[in-house]
Amino acid sequence: QVQVVESGGGLVQAGGSLTLSCTASGFTSGLTFDDYAMGWFRQAPGKEREGVSCITWSGGSTYYADSVKGRFTISRDNAKNTLYLQMNSLRPEDTALYYCAARRLRIGSWSDFNLYNYWGQGTQVTVSS
C-alpha cells in the first residue's frame, strides 16, 4: 500500500516562508514514484479542498492555482521519492491543512482531487497577520 507523508508545516508570520515536504513509499506492481504525478492541495476550515500545485512525472511540467502563482514553487526529487512545496510571501489566507497526493491518471484536470489515488494526512500551515 502506498503511503504518503507530509512534513514541514508550522506557524509563520505574514511575508515569511515555509517549505513542505512529502515522501511516498510502498509502491508495488513494478510502479515507482516517478510513475505518479504529484499534487499539493489545501483545505481551510469551512472551505472546500482546493488544488494548490501539481508536478508531472518527470517534473517537466508544473501547474499552480492563480492565488499562489509567483509565490509557491513545486519540485520533486525522484531519487528520494520526495515532493516539495516552497512557499514564499505567505499570507494569512494561505492558512490551511496542506495535503500531498499522488495520481497515475494522465488525463483530466490537475486540480480535480477525485483523480488522485493516494493522500497523506496533511500538515498544518498557519500564517499570522
N, C-alpha and C. Protein backbone atom coordinates (compact mmCIF):
# COMPACT_ATOMS: atom_id res chain seq x y z
N GLN A 1 0.84 -1.19 0.00
CA GLN A 1 0.00 0.00 0.00
C GLN A 1 0.88 1.25 0.00
N VAL A 2 0.58 2.15 -0.91
CA VAL A 2 1.36 3.39 -0.98
C VAL A 2 1.06 4.27 0.22
N GLN A 3 2.10 4.77 0.83
CA GLN A 3 1.96 5.69 1.95
C GLN A 3 2.55 7.04 1.56
N VAL A 4 1.83 8.08 1.94
CA VAL A 4 2.25 9.45 1.63
C VAL A 4 2.29 10.23 2.94
N VAL A 5 3.40 10.85 3.22
CA VAL A 5 3.57 11.54 4.50
C VAL A 5 4.11 12.95 4.26
N GLU A 6 3.36 13.94 4.75
CA GLU A 6 3.78 15.34 4.64
C GLU A 6 4.51 15.79 5.89
N SER A 7 5.34 16.80 5.72
CA SER A 7 6.01 17.42 6.86
C SER A 7 6.38 18.85 6.48
N GLY A 8 6.75 19.62 7.51
CA GLY A 8 7.24 20.97 7.26
C GLY A 8 6.28 22.09 7.56
N GLY A 9 5.05 21.75 7.95
CA GLY A 9 4.11 22.81 8.28
C GLY A 9 4.50 23.51 9.58
N GLY A 10 3.80 24.59 9.87
CA GLY A 10 4.08 25.32 11.10
C GLY A 10 3.42 26.67 11.12
N LEU A 11 3.83 27.46 12.08
CA LEU A 11 3.30 28.81 12.25
C LEU A 11 4.35 29.80 11.74
N VAL A 12 3.91 30.72 10.91
CA VAL A 12 4.83 31.70 10.34
C VAL A 12 4.11 33.04 10.22
N GLN A 13 4.87 34.10 10.29
CA GLN A 13 4.27 35.43 10.13
C GLN A 13 4.04 35.73 8.66
N ALA A 14 3.08 36.60 8.40
CA ALA A 14 2.83 37.02 7.02
C ALA A 14 4.11 37.56 6.40
N GLY A 15 4.33 37.18 5.16
CA GLY A 15 5.55 37.56 4.47
C GLY A 15 6.67 36.56 4.60
N GLY A 16 6.49 35.60 5.49
CA GLY A 16 7.51 34.59 5.72
C GLY A 16 7.45 33.45 4.72
N SER A 17 8.30 32.46 4.97
CA SER A 17 8.43 31.31 4.06
C SER A 17 8.38 30.00 4.82
N LEU A 18 7.93 28.98 4.13
CA LEU A 18 7.96 27.60 4.64
C LEU A 18 8.21 26.69 3.45
N THR A 19 8.82 25.55 3.74
CA THR A 19 8.96 24.51 2.72
C THR A 19 8.32 23.24 3.23
N LEU A 20 7.34 22.76 2.49
CA LEU A 20 6.69 21.50 2.81
C LEU A 20 7.38 20.38 2.05
N SER A 21 7.44 19.22 2.68
CA SER A 21 7.98 18.03 2.04
C SER A 21 6.95 16.92 2.10
N CYS A 22 7.08 16.00 1.17
CA CYS A 22 6.17 14.86 1.12
C CYS A 22 6.95 13.67 0.60
N THR A 23 6.96 12.60 1.37
CA THR A 23 7.63 11.39 0.93
C THR A 23 6.59 10.31 0.66
N ALA A 24 6.85 9.51 -0.35
CA ALA A 24 5.94 8.43 -0.72
C ALA A 24 6.70 7.12 -0.74
N SER A 25 6.03 6.07 -0.29
CA SER A 25 6.67 4.76 -0.24
C SER A 25 5.63 3.67 -0.41
N GLY A 26 6.11 2.42 -0.56
CA GLY A 26 5.20 1.30 -0.63
C GLY A 26 4.65 1.02 -2.01
N PHE A 27 5.34 1.50 -3.03
CA PHE A 27 4.86 1.25 -4.38
C PHE A 27 4.99 -0.23 -4.72
N THR A 28 4.02 -0.75 -5.47
CA THR A 28 4.01 -2.17 -5.85
C THR A 28 3.72 -2.31 -7.34
N SER A 29 3.67 -3.56 -7.80
CA SER A 29 3.33 -3.89 -9.19
C SER A 29 4.28 -3.23 -10.17
N GLY A 30 5.53 -3.09 -9.76
CA GLY A 30 6.53 -2.53 -10.66
C GLY A 30 6.47 -1.04 -10.82
N LEU A 31 5.58 -0.38 -10.10
CA LEU A 31 5.45 1.07 -10.20
C LEU A 31 6.42 1.75 -9.24
N THR A 32 6.81 2.94 -9.59
CA THR A 32 7.72 3.72 -8.75
C THR A 32 7.18 5.14 -8.62
N PHE A 33 7.85 5.91 -7.80
CA PHE A 33 7.42 7.28 -7.53
C PHE A 33 7.26 8.08 -8.81
N ASP A 34 8.15 7.89 -9.77
CA ASP A 34 8.06 8.71 -10.97
C ASP A 34 7.03 8.20 -11.97
N ASP A 35 6.21 7.23 -11.59
CA ASP A 35 5.04 6.86 -12.37
C ASP A 35 3.82 7.67 -11.97
N TYR A 36 4.00 8.52 -10.96
CA TYR A 36 2.89 9.30 -10.42
C TYR A 36 3.15 10.79 -10.56
N ALA A 37 2.14 11.49 -11.04
CA ALA A 37 2.15 12.93 -10.88
C ALA A 37 1.83 13.23 -9.42
N MET A 38 2.33 14.34 -8.92
CA MET A 38 2.15 14.67 -7.52
C MET A 38 1.53 16.05 -7.39
N GLY A 39 0.66 16.18 -6.41
CA GLY A 39 -0.01 17.45 -6.22
C GLY A 39 -0.06 17.87 -4.76
N TRP A 40 -0.22 19.15 -4.57
CA TRP A 40 -0.49 19.73 -3.25
C TRP A 40 -1.89 20.32 -3.27
N PHE A 41 -2.63 20.02 -2.23
CA PHE A 41 -3.96 20.58 -2.04
C PHE A 41 -4.01 21.21 -0.65
N ARG A 42 -5.01 22.03 -0.44
CA ARG A 42 -5.17 22.59 0.90
C ARG A 42 -6.65 22.76 1.20
N GLN A 43 -6.93 22.76 2.49
CA GLN A 43 -8.31 22.94 2.92
C GLN A 43 -8.32 23.77 4.19
N ALA A 44 -8.99 24.90 4.12
CA ALA A 44 -9.16 25.76 5.28
C ALA A 44 -10.49 25.43 5.94
N PRO A 45 -10.64 25.72 7.21
CA PRO A 45 -11.89 25.43 7.91
C PRO A 45 -13.08 26.07 7.20
N GLY A 46 -14.10 25.26 6.98
CA GLY A 46 -15.31 25.77 6.34
C GLY A 46 -15.23 25.96 4.85
N LYS A 47 -14.11 25.57 4.26
CA LYS A 47 -13.94 25.73 2.81
C LYS A 47 -13.68 24.39 2.15
N GLU A 48 -13.88 24.38 0.85
CA GLU A 48 -13.63 23.16 0.10
C GLU A 48 -12.13 22.95 -0.12
N ARG A 49 -11.77 21.70 -0.34
CA ARG A 49 -10.39 21.39 -0.68
C ARG A 49 -10.07 22.00 -2.04
N GLU A 50 -8.92 22.64 -2.16
CA GLU A 50 -8.55 23.26 -3.42
C GLU A 50 -7.15 22.84 -3.85
N GLY A 51 -6.97 22.76 -5.15
CA GLY A 51 -5.67 22.44 -5.68
C GLY A 51 -4.73 23.62 -5.56
N VAL A 52 -3.54 23.36 -5.10
CA VAL A 52 -2.52 24.40 -4.95
C VAL A 52 -1.51 24.31 -6.10
N SER A 53 -1.02 23.09 -6.34
CA SER A 53 0.00 22.92 -7.36
C SER A 53 0.12 21.45 -7.74
N CYS A 54 0.68 21.21 -8.91
CA CYS A 54 0.88 19.84 -9.38
C CYS A 54 2.16 19.80 -10.21
N ILE A 55 2.82 18.65 -10.17
CA ILE A 55 4.02 18.47 -10.99
C ILE A 55 3.92 17.11 -11.66
N THR A 56 4.30 17.05 -12.93
CA THR A 56 4.18 15.80 -13.67
C THR A 56 5.30 14.83 -13.30
N TRP A 57 5.26 13.68 -13.90
CA TRP A 57 6.03 12.52 -13.51
C TRP A 57 7.52 12.79 -13.48
N SER A 58 8.01 13.44 -14.53
CA SER A 58 9.45 13.72 -14.59
C SER A 58 9.78 15.12 -14.10
N GLY A 59 8.74 15.85 -13.72
CA GLY A 59 8.95 17.22 -13.29
C GLY A 59 8.99 18.21 -14.43
N GLY A 60 8.65 17.75 -15.62
CA GLY A 60 8.75 18.62 -16.78
C GLY A 60 7.71 19.70 -16.86
N SER A 61 6.57 19.48 -16.20
CA SER A 61 5.51 20.47 -16.22
C SER A 61 5.00 20.71 -14.82
N THR A 62 4.67 21.96 -14.54
CA THR A 62 4.12 22.32 -13.24
C THR A 62 2.88 23.18 -13.44
N TYR A 63 1.99 23.12 -12.47
CA TYR A 63 0.74 23.86 -12.52
C TYR A 63 0.51 24.49 -11.15
N TYR A 64 -0.11 25.69 -11.19
CA TYR A 64 -0.35 26.41 -9.94
C TYR A 64 -1.74 27.04 -9.95
N ALA A 65 -2.32 27.12 -8.78
CA ALA A 65 -3.52 27.92 -8.62
C ALA A 65 -3.13 29.39 -8.79
N ASP A 66 -4.05 30.17 -9.32
CA ASP A 66 -3.76 31.60 -9.53
C ASP A 66 -3.36 32.29 -8.24
N SER A 67 -3.93 31.85 -7.14
CA SER A 67 -3.70 32.51 -5.85
C SER A 67 -2.28 32.33 -5.33
N VAL A 68 -1.54 31.36 -5.88
CA VAL A 68 -0.18 31.11 -5.37
C VAL A 68 0.89 31.31 -6.43
N LYS A 69 0.49 31.60 -7.66
CA LYS A 69 1.48 31.80 -8.72
C LYS A 69 2.45 32.92 -8.36
N GLY A 70 3.73 32.64 -8.59
CA GLY A 70 4.75 33.63 -8.30
C GLY A 70 5.23 33.60 -6.86
N ARG A 71 4.52 32.87 -6.00
CA ARG A 71 4.90 32.80 -4.58
C ARG A 71 5.32 31.38 -4.17
N PHE A 72 4.68 30.37 -4.75
CA PHE A 72 4.95 28.98 -4.42
C PHE A 72 5.68 28.30 -5.58
N THR A 73 6.54 27.36 -5.22
CA THR A 73 7.26 26.58 -6.22
C THR A 73 7.22 25.11 -5.85
N ILE A 74 6.73 24.30 -6.77
CA ILE A 74 6.68 22.86 -6.55
C ILE A 74 7.88 22.21 -7.24
N SER A 75 8.40 21.18 -6.60
CA SER A 75 9.52 20.43 -7.20
C SER A 75 9.49 19.01 -6.66
N ARG A 76 10.26 18.15 -7.30
CA ARG A 76 10.32 16.76 -6.84
C ARG A 76 11.72 16.22 -7.05
N ASP A 77 12.07 15.27 -6.21
CA ASP A 77 13.34 14.55 -6.34
C ASP A 77 12.98 13.07 -6.43
N ASN A 78 12.95 12.55 -7.63
CA ASN A 78 12.51 11.17 -7.83
C ASN A 78 13.47 10.17 -7.21
N ALA A 79 14.72 10.52 -7.09
CA ALA A 79 15.69 9.62 -6.46
C ALA A 79 15.40 9.45 -4.97
N LYS A 80 14.76 10.45 -4.38
CA LYS A 80 14.44 10.41 -2.95
C LYS A 80 12.96 10.18 -2.68
N ASN A 81 12.18 9.96 -3.75
CA ASN A 81 10.73 9.77 -3.59
C ASN A 81 10.11 10.92 -2.80
N THR A 82 10.54 12.12 -3.09
CA THR A 82 10.13 13.27 -2.29
C THR A 82 9.61 14.40 -3.16
N LEU A 83 8.57 15.01 -2.67
CA LEU A 83 7.94 16.18 -3.29
C LEU A 83 8.11 17.36 -2.36
N TYR A 84 8.27 18.55 -2.94
CA TYR A 84 8.45 19.75 -2.14
C TYR A 84 7.48 20.85 -2.57
N LEU A 85 7.21 21.74 -1.64
CA LEU A 85 6.48 22.96 -1.97
C LEU A 85 7.15 24.10 -1.21
N GLN A 86 7.86 24.93 -1.94
CA GLN A 86 8.48 26.12 -1.37
C GLN A 86 7.45 27.24 -1.39
N MET A 87 7.14 27.76 -0.21
CA MET A 87 6.10 28.79 -0.10
C MET A 87 6.74 30.08 0.41
N ASN A 88 6.70 31.11 -0.40
CA ASN A 88 7.24 32.42 -0.04
C ASN A 88 6.12 33.45 0.04
N SER A 89 6.43 34.57 0.65
CA SER A 89 5.47 35.68 0.76
C SER A 89 4.11 35.18 1.25
N LEU A 90 4.15 34.41 2.30
CA LEU A 90 2.91 33.80 2.80
C LEU A 90 1.94 34.85 3.32
N ARG A 91 0.68 34.56 3.14
CA ARG A 91 -0.41 35.45 3.55
C ARG A 91 -1.32 34.73 4.52
N PRO A 92 -2.05 35.46 5.33
CA PRO A 92 -2.99 34.80 6.25
C PRO A 92 -3.97 33.89 5.53
N GLU A 93 -4.36 34.25 4.32
CA GLU A 93 -5.31 33.42 3.57
C GLU A 93 -4.69 32.11 3.07
N ASP A 94 -3.39 31.92 3.24
CA ASP A 94 -2.76 30.65 2.92
C ASP A 94 -2.91 29.64 4.07
N THR A 95 -3.44 30.09 5.18
CA THR A 95 -3.63 29.20 6.33
C THR A 95 -4.57 28.07 5.97
N ALA A 96 -4.12 26.85 6.16
CA ALA A 96 -4.92 25.68 5.79
C ALA A 96 -4.16 24.42 6.19
N LEU A 97 -4.87 23.30 6.07
CA LEU A 97 -4.23 22.00 6.17
C LEU A 97 -3.80 21.63 4.75
N TYR A 98 -2.51 21.38 4.57
CA TYR A 98 -1.96 21.09 3.26
C TYR A 98 -1.76 19.58 3.09
N TYR A 99 -2.27 19.08 1.98
CA TYR A 99 -2.19 17.66 1.67
C TYR A 99 -1.33 17.42 0.45
N CYS A 100 -0.64 16.32 0.48
CA CYS A 100 0.11 15.82 -0.67
C CYS A 100 -0.66 14.64 -1.25
N ALA A 101 -0.67 14.52 -2.57
CA ALA A 101 -1.41 13.44 -3.20
C ALA A 101 -0.70 12.96 -4.46
N ALA A 102 -0.94 11.69 -4.79
CA ALA A 102 -0.31 11.07 -5.95
C ALA A 102 -1.38 10.55 -6.91
N ARG A 103 -1.13 10.71 -8.20
CA ARG A 103 -2.08 10.23 -9.19
C ARG A 103 -1.36 9.53 -10.34
N ARG A 104 -2.01 8.48 -10.87
CA ARG A 104 -1.50 7.79 -12.05
C ARG A 104 -2.13 8.31 -13.34
N LEU A 105 -3.36 8.77 -13.21
CA LEU A 105 -4.11 9.15 -14.40
C LEU A 105 -3.45 10.32 -15.09
N ARG A 106 -3.29 10.21 -16.41
CA ARG A 106 -2.59 11.24 -17.17
C ARG A 106 -3.51 12.17 -17.94
N ILE A 107 -4.81 12.02 -17.68
CA ILE A 107 -5.73 12.95 -18.29
C ILE A 107 -6.60 13.55 -17.20
N GLY A 108 -7.26 14.65 -17.54
CA GLY A 108 -8.10 15.30 -16.56
C GLY A 108 -7.40 16.47 -15.89
N SER A 109 -8.19 17.29 -15.25
CA SER A 109 -7.67 18.49 -14.63
C SER A 109 -6.71 18.16 -13.48
N TRP A 110 -5.62 18.90 -13.40
CA TRP A 110 -4.64 18.65 -12.34
C TRP A 110 -5.23 18.96 -10.97
N SER A 111 -6.22 19.81 -10.93
CA SER A 111 -6.77 20.24 -9.64
C SER A 111 -7.99 19.45 -9.21
N ASP A 112 -8.36 18.42 -9.97
CA ASP A 112 -9.50 17.60 -9.59
C ASP A 112 -9.04 16.56 -8.57
N PHE A 113 -9.38 16.77 -7.33
CA PHE A 113 -8.86 15.87 -6.29
C PHE A 113 -9.40 14.45 -6.43
N ASN A 114 -10.50 14.28 -7.14
CA ASN A 114 -11.06 12.94 -7.33
C ASN A 114 -10.16 12.05 -8.19
N LEU A 115 -9.23 12.66 -8.91
CA LEU A 115 -8.38 11.89 -9.81
C LEU A 115 -7.09 11.43 -9.14
N TYR A 116 -6.92 11.74 -7.87
CA TYR A 116 -5.71 11.34 -7.15
C TYR A 116 -5.96 10.05 -6.39
N ASN A 117 -4.95 9.19 -6.42
CA ASN A 117 -5.11 7.84 -5.87
C ASN A 117 -4.75 7.75 -4.39
N TYR A 118 -3.71 8.46 -3.98
CA TYR A 118 -3.19 8.32 -2.63
C TYR A 118 -3.00 9.70 -2.00
N TRP A 119 -3.32 9.76 -0.71
CA TRP A 119 -3.29 11.02 0.04
C TRP A 119 -2.54 10.86 1.35
N GLY A 120 -1.89 11.94 1.75
CA GLY A 120 -1.32 12.00 3.08
C GLY A 120 -2.34 12.50 4.09
N GLN A 121 -1.91 12.59 5.33
CA GLN A 121 -2.80 13.03 6.40
C GLN A 121 -2.84 14.55 6.54
N GLY A 122 -1.92 15.23 5.90
CA GLY A 122 -1.92 16.68 5.93
C GLY A 122 -0.94 17.26 6.95
N THR A 123 -0.50 18.47 6.66
CA THR A 123 0.35 19.22 7.58
C THR A 123 -0.21 20.63 7.67
N GLN A 124 -0.32 21.13 8.88
CA GLN A 124 -0.97 22.42 9.10
C GLN A 124 -0.01 23.58 8.84
N VAL A 125 -0.49 24.54 8.07
CA VAL A 125 0.23 25.79 7.85
C VAL A 125 -0.64 26.92 8.38
N THR A 126 -0.08 27.69 9.28
CA THR A 126 -0.79 28.82 9.86
C THR A 126 0.03 30.08 9.66
N VAL A 127 -0.58 31.08 9.03
CA VAL A 127 0.11 32.34 8.75
C VAL A 127 -0.56 33.43 9.57
N SER A 128 0.20 34.03 10.45
CA SER A 128 -0.35 35.09 11.30
C SER A 128 -0.14 36.46 10.65
N SER A 129 -1.08 37.34 10.93
CA SER A 129 -1.01 38.69 10.33
C SER A 129 -0.24 39.66 11.21
